[in-house]
PDB file of N, CA and C in Angstrom:
ATOM      1  N   MET A   1      79.359  88.102 156.114  1.00  0.00           N
ATOM      2  CA  MET A   1      79.332  87.010 155.122  1.00  0.00           C
ATOM      3  C   MET A   1      80.598  86.158 155.238  1.00  0.00           C
ATOM      4  N   PRO A   2      80.485  84.954 155.753  1.00  0.00           N
ATOM      5  CA  PRO A   2      81.632  84.048 155.857  1.00  0.00           C
ATOM      6  C   PRO A   2      82.175  83.683 154.475  1.00  0.00           C
ATOM      7  N   GLU A   3      81.316  83.706 153.484  1.00  0.00           N
ATOM      8  CA  GLU A   3      81.747  83.372 152.117  1.00  0.00           C
ATOM      9  C   GLU A   3      82.802  84.358 151.632  1.00  0.00           C
ATOM     10  N   ALA A   4      82.533  85.640 151.857  1.00  0.00           N
ATOM     11  CA  ALA A   4      83.479  86.677 151.423  1.00  0.00           C
ATOM     12  C   ALA A   4      84.822  86.482 152.131  1.00  0.00           C
ATOM     13  N   PHE A   5      84.761  86.217 153.429  1.00  0.00           N
ATOM     14  CA  PHE A   5      85.988  86.006 154.200  1.00  0.00           C
ATOM     15  C   PHE A   5      86.763  84.817 153.644  1.00  0.00           C
ATOM     16  N   PHE A   6      86.060  83.736 153.347  1.00  0.00           N
ATOM     17  CA  PHE A   6      86.697  82.540 152.793  1.00  0.00           C
ATOM     18  C   PHE A   6      87.324  82.851 151.441  1.00  0.00           C
ATOM     19  N   ILE A   7      86.574  83.574 150.605  1.00  0.00           N
ATOM     20  CA  ILE A   7      87.078  83.932 149.274  1.00  0.00           C
ATOM     21  C   ILE A   7      88.325  84.800 149.401  1.00  0.00           C
ATOM     22  N   ILE A   8      88.281  85.781 150.315  1.00  0.00           N
ATOM     23  CA  ILE A   8      89.428  86.669 150.507  1.00  0.00           C
ATOM     24  C   ILE A   8      90.641  85.872 150.961  1.00  0.00           C
ATOM     25  N   ARG A   9      90.427  84.983 151.916  1.00  0.00           N
ATOM     26  CA  ARG A   9      91.537  84.156 152.408  1.00  0.00           C
ATOM     27  C   ARG A   9      92.092  83.309 151.283  1.00  0.00           C
ATOM     28  N   PHE A  10      91.204  82.700 150.508  1.00  0.00           N
ATOM     29  CA  PHE A  10      91.629  81.850 149.410  1.00  0.00           C
ATOM     30  C   PHE A  10      92.412  82.661 148.387  1.00  0.00           C
ATOM     31  N   LYS A  11      91.913  83.840 148.053  1.00  0.00           N
ATOM     32  CA  LYS A  11      92.578  84.699 147.074  1.00  0.00           C
ATOM     33  C   LYS A  11      93.954  85.107 147.574  1.00  0.00           C
ATOM     34  N   LEU A  12      94.035  85.508 148.852  1.00  0.00           N
ATOM     35  CA  LEU A  12      95.326  85.913 149.419  1.00  0.00           C
ATOM     36  C   LEU A  12      96.308  84.753 149.395  1.00  0.00           C
ATOM     37  N   SER A  13      95.846  83.581 149.793  1.00  0.00           N
ATOM     38  CA  SER A  13      96.725  82.408 149.808  1.00  0.00           C
ATOM     39  C   SER A  13      97.201  82.096 148.395  1.00  0.00           C
ATOM     40  N   ASP A  14      96.260  82.147 147.442  1.00  0.00           N
ATOM     41  CA  ASP A  14      96.598  81.847 146.056  1.00  0.00           C
ATOM     42  C   ASP A  14      97.574  82.888 145.519  1.00  0.00           C
ATOM     43  N   PHE A  15      97.324  84.150 145.841  1.00  0.00           N
ATOM     44  CA  PHE A  15      98.190  85.226 145.375  1.00  0.00           C
ATOM     45  C   PHE A  15      99.595  85.073 145.944  1.00  0.00           C
ATOM     46  N   MET A  16      99.680  84.800 147.244  1.00  0.00           N
ATOM     47  CA  MET A  16     100.989  84.620 147.874  1.00  0.00           C
ATOM     48  C   MET A  16     101.701  83.418 147.264  1.00  0.00           C
ATOM     49  N   TYR A  17     100.954  82.347 147.041  1.00  0.00           N
ATOM     50  CA  TYR A  17     101.538  81.141 146.463  1.00  0.00           C
ATOM     51  C   TYR A  17     102.079  81.456 145.073  1.00  0.00           C
ATOM     52  N   LEU A  18     101.284  82.168 144.280  1.00  0.00           N
ATOM     53  CA  LEU A  18     101.719  82.524 142.939  1.00  0.00           C
ATOM     54  C   LEU A  18     102.940  83.430 142.995  1.00  0.00           C
ATOM     55  N   SER A  19     102.918  84.373 143.934  1.00  0.00           N
ATOM     56  CA  SER A  19     104.024  85.326 144.037  1.00  0.00           C
ATOM     57  C   SER A  19     105.325  84.613 144.386  1.00  0.00           C
ATOM     58  N   GLU A  20     105.236  83.604 145.270  1.00  0.00           N
ATOM     59  CA  GLU A  20     106.452  82.947 145.721  1.00  0.00           C
ATOM     60  C   GLU A  20     106.909  81.830 144.795  1.00  0.00           C
ATOM     61  N   HIS A  21     105.960  81.115 144.200  1.00  0.00           N
ATOM     62  CA  HIS A  21     106.323  79.906 143.459  1.00  0.00           C
ATOM     63  C   HIS A  21     106.164  80.062 141.943  1.00  0.00           C
ATOM     64  N   ASP A  22     105.258  80.935 141.532  1.00  0.00           N
ATOM     65  CA  ASP A  22     105.005  81.073 140.095  1.00  0.00           C
ATOM     66  C   ASP A  22     105.023  82.537 139.666  1.00  0.00           C
ATOM     67  N   LYS A  23     106.129  83.219 139.949  1.00  0.00           N
ATOM     68  CA  LYS A  23     106.229  84.632 139.583  1.00  0.00           C
ATOM     69  C   LYS A  23     106.135  84.807 138.071  1.00  0.00           C
ATOM     70  N   LYS A  24     106.638  83.823 137.343  1.00  0.00           N
ATOM     71  CA  LYS A  24     106.683  83.930 135.888  1.00  0.00           C
ATOM     72  C   LYS A  24     105.287  83.936 135.268  1.00  0.00           C
ATOM     73  N   LEU A  25     104.283  83.410 136.011  1.00  0.00           N
ATOM     74  CA  LEU A  25     102.926  83.348 135.459  1.00  0.00           C
ATOM     75  C   LEU A  25     102.280  84.731 135.428  1.00  0.00           C
ATOM     76  N   ASN A  26     102.484  85.512 136.516  1.00  0.00           N
ATOM     77  CA  ASN A  26     101.905  86.860 136.587  1.00  0.00           C
ATOM     78  C   ASN A  26     100.424  86.850 136.245  1.00  0.00           C
ATOM     79  N   VAL A  27      99.634  86.185 137.072  1.00  0.00           N
ATOM     80  CA  VAL A  27      98.196  86.089 136.822  1.00  0.00           C
ATOM     81  C   VAL A  27      97.475  87.276 137.453  1.00  0.00           C
ATOM     82  N   PRO A  28      96.887  88.153 136.647  1.00  0.00           N
ATOM     83  CA  PRO A  28      96.148  89.309 137.178  1.00  0.00           C
ATOM     84  C   PRO A  28      94.839  88.878 137.809  1.00  0.00           C
ATOM     85  N   VAL A  29      94.706  89.109 139.101  1.00  0.00           N
ATOM     86  CA  VAL A  29      93.469  88.700 139.788  1.00  0.00           C
ATOM     87  C   VAL A  29      92.703  89.941 140.205  1.00  0.00           C
TER      88      VAL A  29
END
């Protein structure tokens, strides 16, 4: 399923972005 792969990539990118730039938000995903 390419959709799952895309979602995983998007989630990882978003998580890394949040971790590096918005640590104060601490969004549980």
